[in-house]
């Protein structure tokens, strides 16, 4: 039996290059090797009080983007989180075993609370427990994650260990972080920050047209250029070279690396090359997204079929969880 893999993305707008290289590209590779279940985490998005119409449309967009990126519903189950109601029951049981102090110490909670001080809700606090329920309901062994989710993954393992300890069982496996390239992929932002993210407004989206991509890349933050041969690159420049690593050929990377080392690098040339290579990466995906978005009945059918598979898996887990806890009457 193949090992089970679970992972998801919140439907807070369109997917960007960070999502693609940090998660979805890994999903595409994994579907050939594991029993994969990929979901659109619409319940998680409620921590920021989104508009109902936005939730519905965003979930459909993410599904189309998953398919356009190469996730095959005949190989992997793709579903919308809120279509699997069993998740909520397991979420309840896991919350009963978690403590306020440990949830308050989670870095992502502290960061979100700082960014939205007028909306520090219980869902934000228990975000790691819902994430654990998403994973443990399928008894997943592996979860593709980025650096920012590593602490939440440790919380998921804690939920599994604590449940097993309290009820003297070994029912839940401890899910492990999975990095396709043996390390988390962090795609930088164009503003010189360390990570591409929607809230930072520093993204290149998979739906962006060629002109938009070029404009965004040409505005990327730089410095005064190399002053000393073979000197270390500052973060804002290393970020640009990261784009070369993920979108360009090895030959192209070596060319600009040599230009940096001999202090002849022209940032305009570098950005132009990066834009061209990102466009080559994004264009076929963008065209596929448009094709899927034009076929709403297909998207709805695939979401329904994925939810049926996910509910079957989650229901089997909950049957055993209820029995272990004592709710099997």
Protein backbone atom coordinates (compact mmCIF):
# COMPACT_ATOMS: atom_id res chain seq x y z
CA UNK A 1 0.00 0.00 0.00
CA UNK A 2 1.34 3.44 -0.95
CA UNK A 3 2.03 5.98 1.77
CA UNK A 4 -0.64 8.65 2.08
CA UNK A 5 0.14 12.34 1.50
CA UNK A 6 -2.12 15.29 2.40
CA UNK A 7 -1.64 19.00 1.80
CA UNK A 8 -3.67 22.08 0.98
CA UNK A 9 -3.65 25.76 0.02
CA UNK A 10 -5.92 28.51 1.30
CA UNK A 11 -8.16 30.04 -1.41
CA UNK A 12 -7.17 33.64 -0.75
CA UNK A 13 -6.90 34.79 -4.34
CA UNK A 14 -4.76 33.40 -7.14
CA UNK A 15 -1.77 31.09 -6.89
CA UNK A 16 1.62 32.74 -7.35
CA UNK A 17 5.07 31.47 -8.20
CA UNK A 18 5.78 30.85 -4.52
CA UNK A 19 2.78 28.50 -4.31
CA UNK A 20 3.79 26.78 -7.54
CA UNK A 21 7.45 26.13 -6.76
CA UNK A 22 6.94 25.79 -3.01
CA UNK A 23 4.01 23.38 -3.13
CA UNK A 24 2.09 22.61 -6.30
CA UNK A 25 5.08 21.48 -8.38
CA UNK A 26 5.87 19.07 -5.57
CA UNK A 27 2.27 17.85 -5.57
CA UNK A 28 2.54 17.04 -9.28
CA UNK A 29 5.64 14.93 -8.69
CA UNK A 30 4.22 13.19 -5.64
CA UNK A 31 0.97 12.05 -7.25
CA UNK A 32 2.91 9.40 -9.19
CA UNK A 33 4.55 7.94 -6.06
CA UNK A 34 2.03 8.30 -3.23
CA UNK A 35 -1.67 8.12 -2.40
CA UNK A 36 -2.23 11.89 -2.52
CA UNK A 37 -5.08 14.04 -1.26
CA UNK A 38 -4.85 17.76 -2.03
CA UNK A 39 -7.45 20.16 -0.70
CA UNK A 40 -8.51 23.78 -0.97
CA UNK A 41 -8.56 25.09 2.60
CA UNK A 42 -11.59 27.39 2.53
CA UNK A 43 -12.34 26.97 6.25
CA UNK A 44 -8.87 28.24 7.06
CA UNK A 45 -9.59 31.43 5.12
CA UNK A 46 -12.37 32.34 7.58
CA UNK A 47 -9.76 33.63 10.03
CA UNK A 48 -9.64 36.81 7.92
CA UNK A 49 -13.44 37.21 7.41
CA UNK A 50 -13.57 37.00 3.60
CA UNK A 51 -16.61 37.82 1.47
CA UNK A 52 -18.79 34.73 0.77
CA UNK A 53 -18.68 35.30 -2.98
CA UNK A 54 -14.90 35.51 -2.80
CA UNK A 55 -14.70 32.15 -1.00
CA UNK A 56 -16.77 30.39 -3.65
CA UNK A 57 -14.98 31.93 -6.61
CA UNK A 58 -11.52 31.57 -5.11
CA UNK A 59 -12.05 27.87 -4.41
CA UNK A 60 -13.00 27.33 -8.05
CA UNK A 61 -9.98 29.31 -9.23
CA UNK A 62 -7.58 27.31 -7.07
CA UNK A 63 -9.09 24.07 -8.38
CA UNK A 64 -8.58 25.24 -11.97
CA UNK A 65 -5.00 26.24 -11.15
CA UNK A 66 -4.27 22.87 -9.52
CA UNK A 67 -5.43 21.14 -12.69
CA UNK A 68 -3.54 23.56 -14.94
CA UNK A 69 -0.33 22.93 -13.02
CA UNK A 70 -0.61 19.21 -13.69
CA UNK A 71 -2.44 17.61 -10.77
CA UNK A 72 -4.38 14.72 -12.28
CA UNK A 73 -7.68 13.84 -10.51
CA UNK A 74 -7.32 10.26 -11.75
CA UNK A 75 -4.09 9.99 -9.75
CA UNK A 76 -4.75 12.28 -6.76
CA UNK A 77 -7.90 13.32 -4.92
CA UNK A 78 -8.59 17.06 -5.09
CA UNK A 79 -11.33 18.42 -2.82
CA UNK A 80 -12.63 21.53 -1.11
CA UNK A 81 -12.12 21.42 2.65
CA UNK A 82 -15.65 22.48 3.59
CA UNK A 83 -17.13 19.58 1.60
CA UNK A 84 -15.70 17.15 4.16
CA UNK A 85 -17.73 17.78 7.31
CA UNK A 86 -15.97 14.96 9.18
CA UNK A 87 -12.99 17.30 9.56
CA UNK A 88 -14.90 19.41 12.05
CA UNK A 89 -15.62 16.52 14.39
CA UNK A 90 -11.98 15.50 14.53
CA UNK A 91 -11.05 19.18 14.97
CA UNK A 92 -13.27 19.20 18.09
CA UNK A 93 -11.66 16.09 19.57
CA UNK A 94 -8.14 17.38 18.94
CA UNK A 95 -8.93 20.80 20.45
CA UNK A 96 -10.00 19.08 23.65
CA UNK A 97 -6.42 17.86 24.05
CA UNK A 98 -4.63 21.13 23.26
CA UNK A 99 -3.63 23.82 25.76
CA UNK A 100 -4.06 27.57 25.49
CA UNK A 101 -0.44 28.36 26.26
CA UNK A 102 1.03 26.16 23.56
CA UNK A 103 -1.38 27.50 20.94
CA UNK A 104 -0.54 31.09 21.90
CA UNK A 105 3.17 30.38 21.42
CA UNK A 106 2.78 29.37 17.77
CA UNK A 107 4.71 31.85 15.65
CA UNK A 108 2.10 32.12 12.90
CA UNK A 109 -0.58 32.95 15.49
CA UNK A 110 1.55 35.72 16.98
CA UNK A 111 2.30 37.16 13.55
CA UNK A 112 -1.34 37.10 12.43
CA UNK A 113 -2.49 38.58 15.74
CA UNK A 114 -0.04 41.43 15.24
CA UNK A 115 -1.26 42.05 11.68
CA UNK A 116 -4.98 41.91 12.54
CA UNK A 117 -5.21 43.09 16.18
CA UNK A 118 -8.95 43.75 15.87
CA UNK A 119 -9.69 40.21 14.70
CA UNK A 120 -7.76 37.82 16.95
CA UNK A 121 -10.37 35.08 16.77
CA UNK A 122 -10.52 31.56 18.16
CA UNK A 123 -10.12 30.13 14.68
CA UNK A 124 -6.82 31.96 14.35
CA UNK A 125 -5.67 30.54 17.68
CA UNK A 126 -6.66 26.96 16.81
CA UNK A 127 -5.48 27.11 13.19
CA UNK A 128 -2.81 24.45 13.91
CA UNK A 129 -5.45 22.09 15.30
CA UNK A 130 -7.63 22.41 12.21
CA UNK A 131 -4.55 21.82 10.10
CA UNK A 132 -3.83 18.73 12.20
CA UNK A 133 -7.40 17.49 11.62
CA UNK A 134 -6.97 17.98 7.87
CA UNK A 135 -3.93 15.72 8.00
CA UNK A 136 -4.80 13.18 10.67
CA UNK A 137 -8.28 12.44 9.33
CA UNK A 138 -6.52 10.66 6.46
CA UNK A 139 -3.80 9.23 8.71
CA UNK A 140 -1.25 10.77 6.37
CA UNK A 141 2.42 9.86 6.66
CA UNK A 142 3.81 12.80 4.69
CA UNK A 143 2.87 16.46 4.22
CA UNK A 144 4.57 18.80 1.71
CA UNK A 145 5.24 22.06 3.57
CA UNK A 146 7.17 25.29 3.35
CA UNK A 147 9.35 26.80 6.05
CA UNK A 148 6.47 28.85 7.43
CA UNK A 149 4.44 25.73 8.22
CA UNK A 150 7.11 23.72 10.00
CA UNK A 151 5.94 24.73 13.48
CA UNK A 152 2.34 23.92 12.58
CA UNK A 153 3.51 20.50 11.43
CA UNK A 154 5.14 19.95 14.79
CA UNK A 155 1.81 20.81 16.38
CA UNK A 156 0.13 18.20 14.16
CA UNK A 157 2.61 15.61 15.37
CA UNK A 158 1.93 16.72 18.93
CA UNK A 159 -1.80 16.20 18.37
CA UNK A 160 -1.14 12.67 17.11
CA UNK A 161 1.22 11.83 19.99
CA UNK A 162 -1.09 13.25 22.61
CA UNK A 163 -4.15 11.42 21.32
CA UNK A 164 -2.18 8.15 21.20
CA UNK A 165 -0.86 8.72 24.73
CA UNK A 166 -4.18 9.72 26.31
CA UNK A 167 -6.02 6.75 24.84
CA UNK A 168 -3.14 4.27 25.04
CA UNK A 169 -3.12 3.54 21.32
CA UNK A 170 -0.88 3.90 18.31
CA UNK A 171 -3.73 4.82 15.97
CA UNK A 172 -2.40 8.06 14.51
CA UNK A 173 0.95 8.06 12.69
CA UNK A 174 3.10 11.14 13.21
CA UNK A 175 3.05 12.97 9.85
CA UNK A 176 6.44 13.99 8.55
CA UNK A 177 7.45 17.09 6.60
CA UNK A 178 8.15 16.25 2.98
CA UNK A 179 10.51 18.31 0.84
CA UNK A 180 10.75 17.15 -2.75
CA UNK A 181 14.22 18.67 -3.07
CA UNK A 182 15.22 17.67 0.47
CA UNK A 183 14.66 21.22 1.71
CA UNK A 184 11.83 23.73 1.75
CA UNK A 185 11.61 25.91 -1.36
CA UNK A 186 11.22 29.59 -0.50
CA UNK A 187 10.44 31.82 -3.46
CA UNK A 188 11.44 35.43 -2.67
CA UNK A 189 9.30 38.53 -3.05
CA UNK A 190 10.02 41.13 -5.69
CA UNK A 191 10.21 43.85 -3.05
CA UNK A 192 13.44 42.44 -1.63
CA UNK A 193 11.70 40.55 1.18
CA UNK A 194 12.52 36.96 1.97
CA UNK A 195 9.24 35.42 0.82
CA UNK A 196 6.66 35.91 -1.90
CA UNK A 197 3.22 36.35 -0.33
CA UNK A 198 -0.21 37.74 -1.19
CA UNK A 199 -0.44 39.95 1.87
CA UNK A 200 2.92 41.56 1.04
CA UNK A 201 1.81 42.46 -2.50
CA UNK A 202 5.10 41.20 -3.96
CA UNK A 203 3.84 38.33 -6.10
CA UNK A 204 3.90 37.12 -9.66
CA UNK A 205 0.65 35.24 -10.18
CA UNK A 206 0.12 32.30 -12.49
CA UNK A 207 -2.64 34.24 -14.25
CA UNK A 208 -0.46 37.33 -14.89
CA UNK A 209 -0.01 38.23 -18.57
CA UNK A 210 3.40 38.78 -20.16
CA UNK A 211 3.31 42.57 -19.85
CA UNK A 212 2.37 42.43 -16.17
CA UNK A 213 5.16 39.98 -15.40
CA UNK A 214 7.74 42.12 -17.18
CA UNK A 215 6.64 45.26 -15.33
CA UNK A 216 6.76 43.52 -11.96
CA UNK A 217 10.22 42.06 -12.54
CA UNK A 218 11.69 45.32 -13.84
CA UNK A 219 10.52 47.04 -10.63
CA UNK A 220 12.24 44.46 -8.43
CA UNK A 221 14.46 45.94 -5.72
CA UNK A 222 18.22 46.01 -6.37
CA UNK A 223 21.29 47.82 -5.02
CA UNK A 224 24.25 49.70 -6.54
CA UNK A 225 25.74 46.58 -8.08
CA UNK A 226 28.83 44.47 -7.32
CA UNK A 227 31.81 46.52 -6.15
CA UNK A 228 34.33 43.78 -5.38
CA UNK A 229 35.05 40.64 -7.43
CA UNK A 230 33.60 37.39 -6.01
CA UNK A 231 31.86 39.20 -3.17
CA UNK A 232 28.82 37.71 -1.38
CA UNK A 233 25.50 38.82 -2.83
CA UNK A 234 23.18 40.84 -0.55
CA UNK A 235 19.72 39.37 0.07
CA UNK A 236 17.88 41.55 -2.45
CA UNK A 237 20.23 40.36 -5.22
CA UNK A 238 20.33 36.77 -4.05
CA UNK A 239 16.53 36.87 -4.34
CA UNK A 240 16.86 37.66 -8.06
CA UNK A 241 19.31 34.81 -8.51
CA UNK A 242 16.75 32.53 -6.85
CA UNK A 243 14.42 33.28 -9.76
CA UNK A 244 17.21 32.25 -12.12
CA UNK A 245 17.63 28.98 -10.23
CA UNK A 246 13.96 28.04 -10.43
CA UNK A 247 13.00 29.35 -13.89
CA UNK A 248 16.18 29.55 -15.98
CA UNK A 249 18.68 27.08 -17.36
CA UNK A 250 21.88 26.19 -15.55
CA UNK A 251 23.81 27.87 -18.34
CA UNK A 252 21.89 31.12 -17.83
CA UNK A 253 22.49 31.02 -14.10
CA UNK A 254 26.21 30.47 -14.57
CA UNK A 255 26.41 33.34 -17.05
CA UNK A 256 24.94 35.89 -14.65
CA UNK A 257 26.83 34.43 -11.71
CA UNK A 258 30.07 35.09 -13.61
CA UNK A 259 28.91 38.62 -14.42
CA UNK A 260 28.36 39.22 -10.72
CA UNK A 261 31.73 37.80 -9.77
CA UNK A 262 33.66 39.93 -12.26
CA UNK A 263 31.59 43.06 -11.43
CA UNK A 264 30.17 43.48 -14.94
CA UNK A 265 26.58 42.58 -14.10
CA UNK A 266 23.91 44.95 -15.44
CA UNK A 267 20.69 44.61 -13.46
CA UNK A 268 18.58 45.60 -16.46
CA UNK A 269 19.93 42.62 -18.41
CA UNK A 270 19.42 40.32 -15.42
CA UNK A 271 15.82 41.42 -14.91
CA UNK A 272 15.01 41.14 -18.60
CA UNK A 273 16.28 37.55 -18.62
CA UNK A 274 14.36 36.69 -15.45
CA UNK A 275 11.15 38.13 -16.93
CA UNK A 276 11.57 36.14 -20.14
CA UNK A 277 12.15 32.89 -18.29
CA UNK A 278 9.27 33.43 -15.86
CA UNK A 279 6.98 34.12 -18.83
CA UNK A 280 8.08 30.84 -20.45
CA UNK A 281 7.21 29.06 -17.21
CA UNK A 282 3.87 30.76 -16.62
CA UNK A 283 2.37 31.02 -20.13
CA UNK A 284 1.32 27.37 -20.64
CA UNK A 285 -0.12 27.25 -17.12
CA UNK A 286 -2.05 30.49 -17.67
CA UNK A 287 -3.55 29.13 -20.88
CA UNK A 288 -4.66 25.95 -19.12
CA UNK A 289 -6.21 27.94 -16.26
CA UNK A 290 -8.36 29.85 -18.74
CA UNK A 291 -9.51 26.60 -20.35
CA UNK A 292 -10.56 25.06 -17.04
CA UNK A 293 -12.24 28.24 -15.78
CA UNK A 294 -14.41 28.19 -18.89
CA UNK A 295 -15.79 24.76 -17.92
CA UNK A 296 -17.59 25.26 -14.59
CA UNK A 297 -19.52 21.95 -14.78
CA UNK A 298 -16.21 20.07 -15.06
CA UNK A 299 -14.74 21.87 -12.05
CA UNK A 300 -17.84 21.21 -9.94
CA UNK A 301 -17.89 17.54 -10.90
CA UNK A 302 -14.22 17.06 -10.07
CA UNK A 303 -14.67 18.82 -6.70
CA UNK A 304 -17.65 16.58 -5.92
CA UNK A 305 -15.79 13.40 -6.84
CA UNK A 306 -12.77 14.45 -4.81
CA UNK A 307 -14.93 15.18 -1.79
CA UNK A 308 -16.52 11.73 -1.99
CA UNK A 309 -13.10 10.08 -1.79
CA UNK A 310 -11.98 12.37 1.03
CA UNK A 311 -15.15 11.78 3.05
CA UNK A 312 -14.76 8.03 2.72
CA UNK A 313 -11.22 8.27 4.08
CA UNK A 314 -12.16 10.67 6.89
CA UNK A 315 -15.25 8.68 7.89
CA UNK A 316 -13.19 5.52 8.33
CA UNK A 317 -10.80 7.40 10.62
CA UNK A 318 -13.61 8.96 12.65
CA UNK A 319 -15.28 5.58 13.13
CA UNK A 320 -12.14 4.37 14.88
CA UNK A 321 -11.59 7.64 16.76
CA UNK A 322 -15.11 7.48 18.21
CA UNK A 323 -14.55 3.89 19.26
CA UNK A 324 -11.21 4.73 20.90
CA UNK A 325 -12.67 7.72 22.78
CA UNK A 326 -15.83 5.85 23.80
CA UNK A 327 -18.44 7.36 21.51
CA UNK A 328 -19.14 4.15 19.57
CA UNK A 329 -22.67 3.52 20.85
